[in-house]
Every structure is written in C-alpha cells, then in structure tokens.
Amino acid sequence: MATVLGVGVGLFVLAFIWVMCLFLCIALSRAEGAISNAAIGAILLAIVLTIILWFFPREAANVVTDDIKKYDYTMVGREALISLCGIMFVVGLVLVLLFHVMEPIYAKPLKKLKIS
C-alpha cells in the first residue's frame, strides 16, 4: 500500500470528508430557511462515513508475511477504547457548544436618566 510519511490513503479520505463537512457548515451557517438544516445532515453523514471507514478497513491492520504468525489479542480492545474516547470527545464538544458557546446573553437595562 502506498503511504505518505507512514500515513495511508484512508486518513487522507477522512481528512477530505471532514474538511468538506466543515466547509458546508461554514457556507450554510448564514443560510435562511430549510437549507440551513443541511449542515446537521452533513455532520451526521461525515460521522457515519468515519465510523464505516474506521471499523471496516480495506486490508488487515497487521500484514505479516512470515511463516510465524503473531497474534495481537489486544487490538480489538485498543480500537474500542480509542473509539470510545473519540465519541466522548465529540459529546464533550457538543456539550461545550450548547452550554458555553451558545449561552444566551440577555440585554441589561440602561440606568434611567432623570431629567428635572
């Protein structure tokens, strides 16, 4: 498999998907009407494609050409742990967005001027 600096094609595909998703979110952030909700669909589509590409790679993670086979029994546990950490990271970002970034700022009344 061809790699660039030890990084495979799949990472570049995921980076392209998320850059396009970010571009769509920025482009649709000022839109009005029903099209403004398409950004949510773009995020969900990117999440689904990321999960599919993460759990169903095209070839094995460890390609061994020797006659002696070495088994990595902790690979599934490590992938599950990294996936759980990624999901919790996304949940944390959503919670920060909801409760900190989008917190309403209410207008404070100006002091009334007494003209006498």
PDB file of N, CA and C in Angstrom:
ATOM      1  N   MET A   1       0.842  -1.172   0.000  1.00  0.00           N
ATOM      2  CA  MET A   1       0.000   0.000   0.000  1.00  0.00           C
ATOM      3  C   MET A   1       0.890   1.239   0.000  1.00  0.00           C
ATOM      4  N   ALA A   2       0.510   2.207  -0.773  1.00  0.00           N
ATOM      5  CA  ALA A   2       1.281   3.444  -0.849  1.00  0.00           C
ATOM      6  C   ALA A   2       0.974   4.321   0.361  1.00  0.00           C
ATOM      7  N   THR A   3       2.032   4.825   0.970  1.00  0.00           N
ATOM      8  CA  THR A   3       1.854   5.704   2.118  1.00  0.00           C
ATOM      9  C   THR A   3       2.660   6.979   1.910  1.00  0.00           C
ATOM     10  N   VAL A   4       2.225   8.025   2.548  1.00  0.00           N
ATOM     11  CA  VAL A   4       2.949   9.289   2.554  1.00  0.00           C
ATOM     12  C   VAL A   4       3.300   9.575   4.004  1.00  0.00           C
ATOM     13  N   LEU A   5       4.598   9.562   4.319  1.00  0.00           N
ATOM     14  CA  LEU A   5       5.086   9.751   5.687  1.00  0.00           C
ATOM     15  C   LEU A   5       4.477   8.733   6.649  1.00  0.00           C
ATOM     16  N   GLY A   6       4.235   7.533   6.168  1.00  0.00           N
ATOM     17  CA  GLY A   6       3.687   6.481   7.004  1.00  0.00           C
ATOM     18  C   GLY A   6       2.183   6.554   7.192  1.00  0.00           C
ATOM     19  N   VAL A   7       1.525   7.471   6.497  1.00  0.00           N
ATOM     20  CA  VAL A   7       0.075   7.651   6.611  1.00  0.00           C
ATOM     21  C   VAL A   7      -0.563   7.118   5.344  1.00  0.00           C
ATOM     22  N   GLY A   8      -1.583   6.298   5.515  1.00  0.00           N
ATOM     23  CA  GLY A   8      -2.239   5.676   4.377  1.00  0.00           C
ATOM     24  C   GLY A   8      -3.268   6.567   3.716  1.00  0.00           C
ATOM     25  N   VAL A   9      -3.898   6.029   2.686  1.00  0.00           N
ATOM     26  CA  VAL A   9      -4.880   6.759   1.902  1.00  0.00           C
ATOM     27  C   VAL A   9      -6.137   7.050   2.723  1.00  0.00           C
ATOM     28  N   GLY A  10      -6.478   6.147   3.623  1.00  0.00           N
ATOM     29  CA  GLY A  10      -7.701   6.298   4.399  1.00  0.00           C
ATOM     30  C   GLY A  10      -7.727   7.557   5.236  1.00  0.00           C
ATOM     31  N   LEU A  11      -6.595   7.937   5.800  1.00  0.00           N
ATOM     32  CA  LEU A  11      -6.549   9.150   6.599  1.00  0.00           C
ATOM     33  C   LEU A  11      -6.782  10.380   5.732  1.00  0.00           C
ATOM     34  N   PHE A  12      -6.242  10.359   4.513  1.00  0.00           N
ATOM     35  CA  PHE A  12      -6.473  11.485   3.607  1.00  0.00           C
ATOM     36  C   PHE A  12      -7.943  11.558   3.187  1.00  0.00           C
ATOM     37  N   VAL A  13      -8.577  10.404   3.004  1.00  0.00           N
ATOM     38  CA  VAL A  13     -10.009  10.385   2.677  1.00  0.00           C
ATOM     39  C   VAL A  13     -10.824  10.961   3.833  1.00  0.00           C
ATOM     40  N   LEU A  14     -10.506  10.550   5.062  1.00  0.00           N
ATOM     41  CA  LEU A  14     -11.222  11.089   6.221  1.00  0.00           C
ATOM     42  C   LEU A  14     -10.990  12.585   6.384  1.00  0.00           C
ATOM     43  N   ALA A  15      -9.768  13.034   6.164  1.00  0.00           N
ATOM     44  CA  ALA A  15      -9.482  14.469   6.260  1.00  0.00           C
ATOM     45  C   ALA A  15     -10.273  15.237   5.212  1.00  0.00           C
ATOM     46  N   PHE A  16     -10.347  14.713   3.991  1.00  0.00           N
ATOM     47  CA  PHE A  16     -11.119  15.373   2.937  1.00  0.00           C
ATOM     48  C   PHE A  16     -12.598  15.438   3.298  1.00  0.00           C
ATOM     49  N   ILE A  17     -13.146  14.340   3.832  1.00  0.00           N
ATOM     50  CA  ILE A  17     -14.565  14.319   4.222  1.00  0.00           C
ATOM     51  C   ILE A  17     -14.838  15.378   5.278  1.00  0.00           C
ATOM     52  N   TRP A  18     -13.985  15.479   6.298  1.00  0.00           N
ATOM     53  CA  TRP A  18     -14.236  16.434   7.378  1.00  0.00           C
ATOM     54  C   TRP A  18     -13.986  17.875   6.953  1.00  0.00           C
ATOM     55  N   VAL A  19     -13.045  18.102   6.035  1.00  0.00           N
ATOM     56  CA  VAL A  19     -12.841  19.461   5.521  1.00  0.00           C
ATOM     57  C   VAL A  19     -14.050  19.892   4.703  1.00  0.00           C
ATOM     58  N   MET A  20     -14.588  18.993   3.893  1.00  0.00           N
ATOM     59  CA  MET A  20     -15.792  19.317   3.137  1.00  0.00           C
ATOM     60  C   MET A  20     -16.988  19.563   4.063  1.00  0.00           C
ATOM     61  N   CYS A  21     -17.074  18.778   5.130  1.00  0.00           N
ATOM     62  CA  CYS A  21     -18.147  18.967   6.108  1.00  0.00           C
ATOM     63  C   CYS A  21     -18.014  20.327   6.782  1.00  0.00           C
ATOM     64  N   LEU A  22     -16.811  20.693   7.165  1.00  0.00           N
ATOM     65  CA  LEU A  22     -16.575  21.998   7.781  1.00  0.00           C
ATOM     66  C   LEU A  22     -16.897  23.122   6.813  1.00  0.00           C
ATOM     67  N   PHE A  23     -16.514  22.959   5.559  1.00  0.00           N
ATOM     68  CA  PHE A  23     -16.823  23.961   4.548  1.00  0.00           C
ATOM     69  C   PHE A  23     -18.327  24.126   4.379  1.00  0.00           C
ATOM     70  N   LEU A  24     -19.064  23.011   4.329  1.00  0.00           N
ATOM     71  CA  LEU A  24     -20.522  23.089   4.213  1.00  0.00           C
ATOM     72  C   LEU A  24     -21.152  23.756   5.430  1.00  0.00           C
ATOM     73  N   CYS A  25     -20.643  23.453   6.611  1.00  0.00           N
ATOM     74  CA  CYS A  25     -21.182  24.070   7.824  1.00  0.00           C
ATOM     75  C   CYS A  25     -20.958  25.579   7.818  1.00  0.00           C
ATOM     76  N   ILE A  26     -19.783  26.002   7.385  1.00  0.00           N
ATOM     77  CA  ILE A  26     -19.500  27.437   7.316  1.00  0.00           C
ATOM     78  C   ILE A  26     -20.345  28.100   6.234  1.00  0.00           C
ATOM     79  N   ALA A  27     -20.478  27.440   5.094  1.00  0.00           N
ATOM     80  CA  ALA A  27     -21.246  28.019   3.993  1.00  0.00           C
ATOM     81  C   ALA A  27     -22.731  28.116   4.333  1.00  0.00           C
ATOM     82  N   LEU A  28     -23.241  27.153   5.079  1.00  0.00           N
ATOM     83  CA  LEU A  28     -24.672  27.138   5.394  1.00  0.00           C
ATOM     84  C   LEU A  28     -25.001  27.810   6.721  1.00  0.00           C
ATOM     85  N   SER A  29     -24.000  28.357   7.401  1.00  0.00           N
ATOM     86  CA  SER A  29     -24.273  28.948   8.714  1.00  0.00           C
ATOM     87  C   SER A  29     -25.117  30.208   8.612  1.00  0.00           C
ATOM     88  N   ARG A  30     -25.021  30.926   7.512  1.00  0.00           N
ATOM     89  CA  ARG A  30     -25.805  32.158   7.343  1.00  0.00           C
ATOM     90  C   ARG A  30     -27.040  31.964   6.477  1.00  0.00           C
ATOM     91  N   ALA A  31     -27.291  30.754   6.049  1.00  0.00           N
ATOM     92  CA  ALA A  31     -28.433  30.496   5.182  1.00  0.00           C
ATOM     93  C   ALA A  31     -29.735  30.603   5.969  1.00  0.00           C
ATOM     94  N   GLU A  32     -30.771  30.902   5.250  1.00  0.00           N
ATOM     95  CA  GLU A  32     -32.097  31.011   5.856  1.00  0.00           C
ATOM     96  C   GLU A  32     -33.004  29.938   5.270  1.00  0.00           C
ATOM     97  N   GLY A  33     -33.973  29.545   6.041  1.00  0.00           N
ATOM     98  CA  GLY A  33     -34.936  28.564   5.570  1.00  0.00           C
ATOM     99  C   GLY A  33     -34.510  27.147   5.890  1.00  0.00           C
ATOM    100  N   ALA A  34     -35.051  26.225   5.120  1.00  0.00           N
ATOM    101  CA  ALA A  34     -34.820  24.802   5.381  1.00  0.00           C
ATOM    102  C   ALA A  34     -33.399  24.370   5.023  1.00  0.00           C
ATOM    103  N   ILE A  35     -32.739  25.090   4.118  1.00  0.00           N
ATOM    104  CA  ILE A  35     -31.382  24.698   3.711  1.00  0.00           C
ATOM    105  C   ILE A  35     -30.382  24.878   4.853  1.00  0.00           C
ATOM    106  N   SER A  36     -30.719  25.708   5.825  1.00  0.00           N
ATOM    107  CA  SER A  36     -29.791  25.910   6.943  1.00  0.00           C
ATOM    108  C   SER A  36     -29.648  24.646   7.795  1.00  0.00           C
ATOM    109  N   ASN A  37     -30.610  23.755   7.740  1.00  0.00           N
ATOM    110  CA  ASN A  37     -30.533  22.498   8.489  1.00  0.00           C
ATOM    111  C   ASN A  37     -29.687  21.441   7.777  1.00  0.00           C
ATOM    112  N   ALA A  38     -29.243  21.718   6.570  1.00  0.00           N
ATOM    113  CA  ALA A  38     -28.430  20.744   5.831  1.00  0.00           C
ATOM    114  C   ALA A  38     -27.055  20.566   6.464  1.00  0.00           C
ATOM    115  N   ALA A  39     -26.608  21.542   7.250  1.00  0.00           N
ATOM    116  CA  ALA A  39     -25.310  21.410   7.923  1.00  0.00           C
ATOM    117  C   ALA A  39     -25.342  20.262   8.928  1.00  0.00           C
ATOM    118  N   ILE A  40     -26.460  20.080   9.600  1.00  0.00           N
ATOM    119  CA  ILE A  40     -26.607  18.969  10.538  1.00  0.00           C
ATOM    120  C   ILE A  40     -26.525  17.643   9.790  1.00  0.00           C
ATOM    121  N   GLY A  41     -27.151  17.586   8.628  1.00  0.00           N
ATOM    122  CA  GLY A  41     -27.064  16.382   7.805  1.00  0.00           C
ATOM    123  C   GLY A  41     -25.657  16.106   7.329  1.00  0.00           C
ATOM    124  N   ALA A  42     -24.911  17.161   7.009  1.00  0.00           N
ATOM    125  CA  ALA A  42     -23.520  16.980   6.571  1.00  0.00           C
ATOM    126  C   ALA A  42     -22.669  16.428   7.709  1.00  0.00           C
ATOM    127  N   ILE A  43     -22.896  16.916   8.924  1.00  0.00           N
ATOM    128  CA  ILE A  43     -22.144  16.411  10.077  1.00  0.00           C
ATOM    129  C   ILE A  43     -22.485  14.947  10.335  1.00  0.00           C
ATOM    130  N   LEU A  44     -23.766  14.619  10.290  1.00  0.00           N
ATOM    131  CA  LEU A  44     -24.170  13.224  10.515  1.00  0.00           C
ATOM    132  C   LEU A  44     -23.622  12.299   9.436  1.00  0.00           C
ATOM    133  N   LEU A  45     -23.619  12.764   8.181  1.00  0.00           N
ATOM    134  CA  LEU A  45     -23.064  11.959   7.098  1.00  0.00           C
ATOM    135  C   LEU A  45     -21.565  11.745   7.292  1.00  0.00           C
ATOM    136  N   ALA A  46     -20.858  12.777   7.707  1.00  0.00           N
ATOM    137  CA  ALA A  46     -19.417  12.640   7.952  1.00  0.00           C
ATOM    138  C   ALA A  46     -19.145  11.684   9.106  1.00  0.00           C
ATOM    139  N   ILE A  47     -19.972  11.731  10.146  1.00  0.00           N
ATOM    140  CA  ILE A  47     -19.800  10.817  11.279  1.00  0.00           C
ATOM    141  C   ILE A  47     -20.039   9.366  10.830  1.00  0.00           C
ATOM    142  N   VAL A  48     -21.088   9.146  10.058  1.00  0.00           N
ATOM    143  CA  VAL A  48     -21.394   7.789   9.590  1.00  0.00           C
ATOM    144  C   VAL A  48     -20.270   7.270   8.693  1.00  0.00           C
ATOM    145  N   LEU A  49     -19.780   8.099   7.764  1.00  0.00           N
ATOM    146  CA  LEU A  49     -18.690   7.661   6.892  1.00  0.00           C
ATOM    147  C   LEU A  49     -17.411   7.395   7.682  1.00  0.00           C
ATOM    148  N   THR A  50     -17.149   8.207   8.699  1.00  0.00           N
ATOM    149  CA  THR A  50     -15.968   7.981   9.532  1.00  0.00           C
ATOM    150  C   THR A  50     -16.075   6.661  10.273  1.00  0.00           C
ATOM    151  N   ILE A  51     -17.231   6.365  10.835  1.00  0.00           N
ATOM    152  CA  ILE A  51     -17.425   5.107  11.552  1.00  0.00           C
ATOM    153  C   ILE A  51     -17.281   3.918  10.603  1.00  0.00           C
ATOM    154  N   ILE A  52     -17.845   4.033   9.408  1.00  0.00           N
ATOM    155  CA  ILE A  52     -17.741   2.941   8.434  1.00  0.00           C
ATOM    156  C   ILE A  52     -16.281   2.715   8.038  1.00  0.00           C
ATOM    157  N   LEU A  53     -15.563   3.783   7.739  1.00  0.00           N
ATOM    158  CA  LEU A  53     -14.169   3.628   7.337  1.00  0.00           C
ATOM    159  C   LEU A  53     -13.283   3.204   8.493  1.00  0.00           C
ATOM    160  N   TRP A  54     -13.667   3.528   9.715  1.00  0.00           N
ATOM    161  CA  TRP A  54     -12.870   3.156  10.881  1.00  0.00           C
ATOM    162  C   TRP A  54     -12.984   1.653  11.172  1.00  0.00           C
ATOM    163  N   PHE A  55     -14.214   1.133  11.135  1.00  0.00           N
ATOM    164  CA  PHE A  55     -14.431  -0.253  11.538  1.00  0.00           C
ATOM    165  C   PHE A  55     -14.343  -1.259  10.401  1.00  0.00           C
ATOM    166  N   PHE A  56     -14.367  -0.808   9.153  1.00  0.00           N
ATOM    167  CA  PHE A  56     -14.272  -1.730   8.031  1.00  0.00           C
ATOM    168  C   PHE A  56     -13.138  -1.307   7.095  1.00  0.00           C
ATOM    169  N   PRO A  57     -11.887  -1.477   7.533  1.00  0.00           N
ATOM    170  CA  PRO A  57     -10.765  -1.104   6.657  1.00  0.00           C
ATOM    171  C   PRO A  57     -10.657  -2.060   5.479  1.00  0.00           C
ATOM    172  N   ARG A  58      -9.962  -1.623   4.442  1.00  0.00           N
ATOM    173  CA  ARG A  58      -9.844  -2.440   3.235  1.00  0.00           C
ATOM    174  C   ARG A  58      -8.893  -3.610   3.402  1.00  0.00           C
ATOM    175  N   GLU A  59      -7.875  -3.465   4.212  1.00  0.00           N
ATOM    176  CA  GLU A  59      -6.955  -4.582   4.419  1.00  0.00           C
ATOM    177  C   GLU A  59      -6.640  -4.698   5.902  1.00  0.00           C
ATOM    178  N   ALA A  60      -5.993  -5.772   6.260  1.00  0.00           N
ATOM    179  CA  ALA A  60      -5.735  -6.054   7.669  1.00  0.00           C
ATOM    180  C   ALA A  60      -4.818  -4.995   8.276  1.00  0.00           C
ATOM    181  N   ALA A  61      -4.972  -4.791   9.578  1.00  0.00           N
ATOM    182  CA  ALA A  61      -4.165  -3.790  10.274  1.00  0.00           C
ATOM    183  C   ALA A  61      -2.713  -4.233  10.357  1.00  0.00           C
ATOM    184  N   ASN A  62      -2.480  -5.492  10.602  1.00  0.00           N
ATOM    185  CA  ASN A  62      -1.120  -6.023  10.719  1.00  0.00           C
ATOM    186  C   ASN A  62      -0.906  -7.057   9.622  1.00  0.00           C
ATOM    187  N   VAL A  63      -0.161  -6.694   8.592  1.00  0.00           N
ATOM    188  CA  VAL A  63       0.119  -7.616   7.497  1.00  0.00           C
ATOM    189  C   VAL A  63       1.457  -8.300   7.797  1.00  0.00           C
ATOM    190  N   VAL A  64       1.406  -9.607   8.026  1.00  0.00           N
ATOM    191  CA  VAL A  64       2.603 -10.381   8.341  1.00  0.00           C
ATOM    192  C   VAL A  64       2.838 -11.344   7.194  1.00  0.00           C
ATOM    193  N   THR A  65       4.049 -11.298   6.636  1.00  0.00           N
ATOM    194  CA  THR A  65       4.367 -12.183   5.514  1.00  0.00           C
ATOM    195  C   THR A  65       5.216 -13.371   5.946  1.00  0.00           C
ATOM    196  N   ASP A  66       5.622 -13.429   7.216  1.00  0.00           N
ATOM    197  CA  ASP A  66       6.440 -14.537   7.700  1.00  0.00           C
ATOM    198  C   ASP A  66       5.569 -15.768   7.914  1.00  0.00           C
ATOM    199  N   ASP A  67       6.248 -16.923   8.039  1.00  0.00           N
ATOM    200  CA  ASP A  67       5.525 -18.156   8.330  1.00  0.00           C
ATOM    201  C   ASP A  67       5.070 -18.185   9.781  1.00  0.00           C
ATOM    202  N   ILE A  68       5.782 -17.477  10.635  1.00  0.00           N
ATOM    203  CA  ILE A  68       5.402 -17.414  12.048  1.00  0.00           C
ATOM    204  C   ILE A  68       4.370 -16.300  12.208  1.00  0.00           C
ATOM    205  N   LYS A  69       3.216 -16.678  12.689  1.00  0.00           N
ATOM    206  CA  LYS A  69       2.157 -15.687  12.860  1.00  0.00           C
ATOM    207  C   LYS A  69       2.152 -15.189  14.292  1.00  0.00           C
ATOM    208  N   LYS A  70       2.087 -13.887  14.418  1.00  0.00           N
ATOM    209  CA  LYS A  70       1.985 -13.268  15.735  1.00  0.00           C
ATOM    210  C   LYS A  70       0.593 -12.676  15.854  1.00  0.00           C
ATOM    211  N   TYR A  71      -0.078 -13.004  16.931  1.00  0.00           N
ATOM    212  CA  TYR A  71      -1.436 -12.527  17.137  1.00  0.00           C
ATOM    213  C   TYR A  71      -1.441 -11.394  18.147  1.00  0.00           C
ATOM    214  N   ASP A  72      -2.169 -10.362  17.811  1.00  0.00           N
ATOM    215  CA  ASP A  72      -2.327  -9.221  18.711  1.00  0.00           C
ATOM    216  C   ASP A  72      -3.733  -9.300  19.293  1.00  0.00           C
ATOM    217  N   TYR A  73      -3.831  -9.836  20.487  1.00  0.00           N
ATOM    218  CA  TYR A  73      -5.141 -10.038  21.099  1.00  0.00           C
ATOM    219  C   TYR A  73      -5.723  -8.751  21.685  1.00  0.00           C
ATOM    220  N   THR A  74      -4.905  -7.741  21.844  1.00  0.00           N
ATOM    221  CA  THR A  74      -5.405  -6.503  22.443  1.00  0.00           C
ATOM    222  C   THR A  74      -5.827  -5.472  21.404  1.00  0.00           C
ATOM    223  N   MET A  75      -5.785  -5.816  20.128  1.00  0.00           N
ATOM    224  CA  MET A  75      -6.125  -4.855  19.087  1.00  0.00           C
ATOM    225  C   MET A  75      -7.586  -4.417  19.183  1.00  0.00           C
ATOM    226  N   VAL A  76      -8.496  -5.350  19.401  1.00  0.00           N
ATOM    227  CA  VAL A  76      -9.913  -5.017  19.484  1.00  0.00           C
ATOM    228  C   VAL A  76     -10.180  -4.130  20.695  1.00  0.00           C
ATOM    229  N   GLY A  77      -9.551  -4.433  21.809  1.00  0.00           N
ATOM    230  CA  GLY A  77      -9.724  -3.610  22.996  1.00  0.00           C
ATOM    231  C   GLY A  77      -9.192  -2.204  22.809  1.00  0.00           C
ATOM    232  N   ARG A  78      -8.031  -2.094  22.150  1.00  0.00           N
ATOM    233  CA  ARG A  78      -7.460  -0.768  21.899  1.00  0.00           C
ATOM    234  C   ARG A  78      -8.331   0.037  20.950  1.00  0.00           C
ATOM    235  N   GLU A  79      -8.840  -0.598  19.900  1.00  0.00           N
ATOM    236  CA  GLU A  79      -9.711   0.118  18.965  1.00  0.00           C
ATOM    237  C   GLU A  79     -11.011   0.536  19.639  1.00  0.00           C
ATOM    238  N   ALA A  80     -11.556  -0.318  20.489  1.00  0.00           N
ATOM    239  CA  ALA A  80     -12.778   0.055  21.213  1.00  0.00           C
ATOM    240  C   ALA A  80     -12.520   1.215  22.157  1.00  0.00           C
ATOM    241  N   LEU A  81     -11.379   1.207  22.830  1.00  0.00           N
ATOM    242  CA  LEU A  81     -11.041   2.289  23.753  1.00  0.00           C
ATOM    243  C   LEU A  81     -10.829   3.605  23.013  1.00  0.00           C
ATOM    244  N   ILE A  82     -10.131   3.557  21.888  1.00  0.00           N
ATOM    245  CA  ILE A  82      -9.924   4.774  21.101  1.00  0.00           C
ATOM    246  C   ILE A  82     -11.249   5.264  20.525  1.00  0.00           C
ATOM    247  N   SER A  83     -12.104   4.353  20.095  1.00  0.00           N
ATOM    248  CA  SER A  83     -13.414   4.757  19.578  1.00  0.00           C
ATOM    249  C   SER A  83     -14.250   5.399  20.674  1.00  0.00           C
ATOM    250  N   LEU A  84     -14.239   4.821  21.862  1.00  0.00           N
ATOM    251  CA  LEU A  84     -14.983   5.394  22.987  1.00  0.00           C
ATOM    252  C   LEU A  84     -14.444   6.780  23.344  1.00  0.00           C
ATOM    253  N   CYS A  85     -13.127   6.927  23.339  1.00  0.00           N
ATOM    254  CA  CYS A  85     -12.538   8.246  23.616  1.00  0.00           C
ATOM    255  C   CYS A  85     -12.943   9.257  22.554  1.00  0.00           C
ATOM    256  N   GLY A  86     -12.969   8.850  21.298  1.00  0.00           N
ATOM    257  CA  GLY A  86     -13.391   9.754  20.225  1.00  0.00           C
ATOM    258  C   GLY A  86     -14.841  10.162  20.355  1.00  0.00           C
ATOM    259  N   ILE A  87     -15.702   9.200  20.709  1.00  0.00           N
ATOM    260  CA  ILE A  87     -17.122   9.511  20.889  1.00  0.00           C
ATOM    261  C   ILE A  87     -17.321  10.461  22.064  1.00  0.00           C
ATOM    262  N   MET A  88     -16.621  10.222  23.162  1.00  0.00           N
ATOM    263  CA  MET A  88     -16.734  11.110  24.324  1.00  0.00           C
ATOM    264  C   MET A  88     -16.183  12.505  24.016  1.00  0.00           C
ATOM    265  N   PHE A  89     -15.152  12.572  23.182  1.00  0.00           N
ATOM    266  CA  PHE A  89     -14.614  13.868  22.762  1.00  0.00           C
ATOM    267  C   PHE A  89     -15.662  14.651  21.981  1.00  0.00           C
ATOM    268  N   VAL A  90     -16.345  13.987  21.050  1.00  0.00           N
ATOM    269  CA  VAL A  90     -17.382  14.650  20.261  1.00  0.00           C
ATOM    270  C   VAL A  90     -18.543  15.072  21.163  1.00  0.00           C
ATOM    271  N   VAL A  91     -18.944  14.200  22.096  1.00  0.00           N
ATOM    272  CA  VAL A  91     -20.016  14.552  23.030  1.00  0.00           C
ATOM    273  C   VAL A  91     -19.606  15.757  23.877  1.00  0.00           C
ATOM    274  N   GLY A  92     -18.362  15.780  24.332  1.00  0.00           N
ATOM    275  CA  GLY A  92     -17.878  16.917  25.110  1.00  0.00           C
ATOM    276  C   GLY A  92     -17.886  18.203  24.307  1.00  0.00           C
ATOM    277  N   LEU A  93     -17.478  18.131  23.029  1.00  0.00           N
ATOM    278  CA  LEU A  93     -17.512  19.327  22.189  1.00  0.00           C
ATOM    279  C   LEU A  93     -18.936  19.830  21.990  1.00  0.00           C
ATOM    280  N   VAL A  94     -19.883  18.910  21.815  1.00  0.00           N
ATOM    281  CA  VAL A  94     -21.283  19.318  21.659  1.00  0.00           C
ATOM    282  C   VAL A  94     -21.793  19.970  22.934  1.00  0.00           C
ATOM    283  N   LEU A  95     -21.452  19.404  24.092  1.00  0.00           N
ATOM    284  CA  LEU A  95     -21.897  19.990  25.353  1.00  0.00           C
ATOM    285  C   LEU A  95     -21.279  21.367  25.589  1.00  0.00           C
ATOM    286  N   VAL A  96     -20.007  21.533  25.241  1.00  0.00           N
ATOM    287  CA  VAL A  96     -19.383  22.854  25.362  1.00  0.00           C
ATOM    288  C   VAL A  96     -20.070  23.835  24.419  1.00  0.00           C
ATOM    289  N   LEU A  97     -20.395  23.387  23.232  1.00  0.00           N
ATOM    290  CA  LEU A  97     -21.079  24.248  22.279  1.00  0.00           C
ATOM    291  C   LEU A  97     -22.444  24.667  22.809  1.00  0.00           C
ATOM    292  N   LEU A  98     -23.174  23.717  23.372  1.00  0.00           N
ATOM    293  CA  LEU A  98     -24.530  24.024  23.830  1.00  0.00           C
ATOM    294  C   LEU A  98     -24.547  24.900  25.079  1.00  0.00           C
ATOM    295  N   PHE A  99     -23.686  24.622  26.044  1.00  0.00           N
ATOM    296  CA  PHE A  99     -23.791  25.296  27.329  1.00  0.00           C
ATOM    297  C   PHE A  99     -22.816  26.447  27.525  1.00  0.00           C
ATOM    298  N   HIS A 100     -21.830  26.590  26.660  1.00  0.00           N
ATOM    299  CA  HIS A 100     -20.877  27.682  26.844  1.00  0.00           C
ATOM    300  C   HIS A 100     -20.884  28.646  25.665  1.00  0.00           C
ATOM    301  N   VAL A 101     -20.726  28.125  24.475  1.00  0.00           N
ATOM    302  CA  VAL A 101     -20.623  28.987  23.304  1.00  0.00           C
ATOM    303  C   VAL A 101     -21.969  29.600  22.953  1.00  0.00           C
ATOM    304  N   MET A 102     -23.039  28.811  23.024  1.00  0.00           N
ATOM    305  CA  MET A 102     -24.360  29.303  22.621  1.00  0.00           C
ATOM    306  C   MET A 102     -25.187  29.780  23.808  1.00  0.00           C
ATOM    307  N   GLU A 103     -24.554  30.120  24.903  1.00  0.00           N
ATOM    308  CA  GLU A 103     -25.265  30.603  26.081  1.00  0.00           C
ATOM    309  C   GLU A 103     -25.864  31.969  25.779  1.00  0.00           C
ATOM    310  N   PRO A 104     -27.138  32.150  26.073  1.00  0.00           N
ATOM    311  CA  PRO A 104     -27.769  33.435  25.741  1.00  0.00           C
ATOM    312  C   PRO A 104     -27.234  34.565  26.617  1.00  0.00           C
ATOM    313  N   ILE A 105     -27.051  35.703  26.008  1.00  0.00           N
ATOM    314  CA  ILE A 105     -26.631  36.894  26.721  1.00  0.00           C
ATOM    315  C   ILE A 105     -27.809  37.861  26.673  1.00  0.00           C
ATOM    316  N   TYR A 106     -28.367  38.113  27.832  1.00  0.00           N
ATOM    317  CA  TYR A 106     -29.541  38.962  27.911  1.00  0.00           C
ATOM    318  C   TYR A 106     -29.135  40.426  28.045  1.00  0.00           C
ATOM    319  N   ALA A 107     -29.907  41.294  27.433  1.00  0.00           N
ATOM    320  CA  ALA A 107     -29.631  42.720  27.498  1.00  0.00           C
ATOM    321  C   ALA A 107     -29.955  43.241  28.892  1.00  0.00           C
ATOM    322  N   LYS A 108     -29.083  44.085  29.399  1.00  0.00           N
ATOM    323  CA  LYS A 108     -29.311  44.684  30.705  1.00  0.00           C
ATOM    324  C   LYS A 108     -29.894  46.075  30.488  1.00  0.00           C
ATOM    325  N   PRO A 109     -30.877  46.448  31.275  1.00  0.00           N
ATOM    326  CA  PRO A 109     -31.478  47.782  31.068  1.00  0.00           C
ATOM    327  C   PRO A 109     -30.503  48.882  31.462  1.00  0.00           C
ATOM    328  N   LEU A 110     -30.520  49.921  30.665  1.00  0.00           N
ATOM    329  CA  LEU A 110     -29.698  51.085  30.989  1.00  0.00           C
ATOM    330  C   LEU A 110     -30.300  51.810  32.179  1.00  0.00           C
ATOM    331  N   LYS A 111     -29.463  52.501  32.882  1.00  0.00           N
ATOM    332  CA  LYS A 111     -29.979  53.295  34.009  1.00  0.00           C
ATOM    333  C   LYS A 111     -30.832  54.424  33.454  1.00  0.00           C
ATOM    334  N   LYS A 112     -31.956  54.589  34.086  1.00  0.00           N
ATOM    335  CA  LYS A 112     -32.871  55.636  33.602  1.00  0.00           C
ATOM    336  C   LYS A 112     -32.306  57.007  34.016  1.00  0.00           C
ATOM    337  N   LEU A 113     -32.312  57.904  33.054  1.00  0.00           N
ATOM    338  CA  LEU A 113     -31.831  59.257  33.314  1.00  0.00           C
ATOM    339  C   LEU A 113     -32.978  60.099  33.857  1.00  0.00           C
ATOM    340  N   LYS A 114     -32.725  60.795  34.917  1.00  0.00           N
ATOM    341  CA  LYS A 114     -33.742  61.680  35.481  1.00  0.00           C
ATOM    342  C   LYS A 114     -33.440  63.100  35.025  1.00  0.00           C
ATOM    343  N   ILE A 115     -34.326  63.587  34.205  1.00  0.00           N
ATOM    344  CA  ILE A 115     -34.173  64.972  33.741  1.00  0.00           C
ATOM    345  C   ILE A 115     -35.148  65.817  34.532  1.00  0.00           C
ATOM    346  N   SER A 116     -34.615  66.747  35.340  1.00  0.00           N
ATOM    347  CA  SER A 116     -35.518  67.599  36.107  1.00  0.00           C
ATOM    348  C   SER A 116     -35.125  69.045  35.993  1.00  0.00           C
TER     349      SER A 116
END
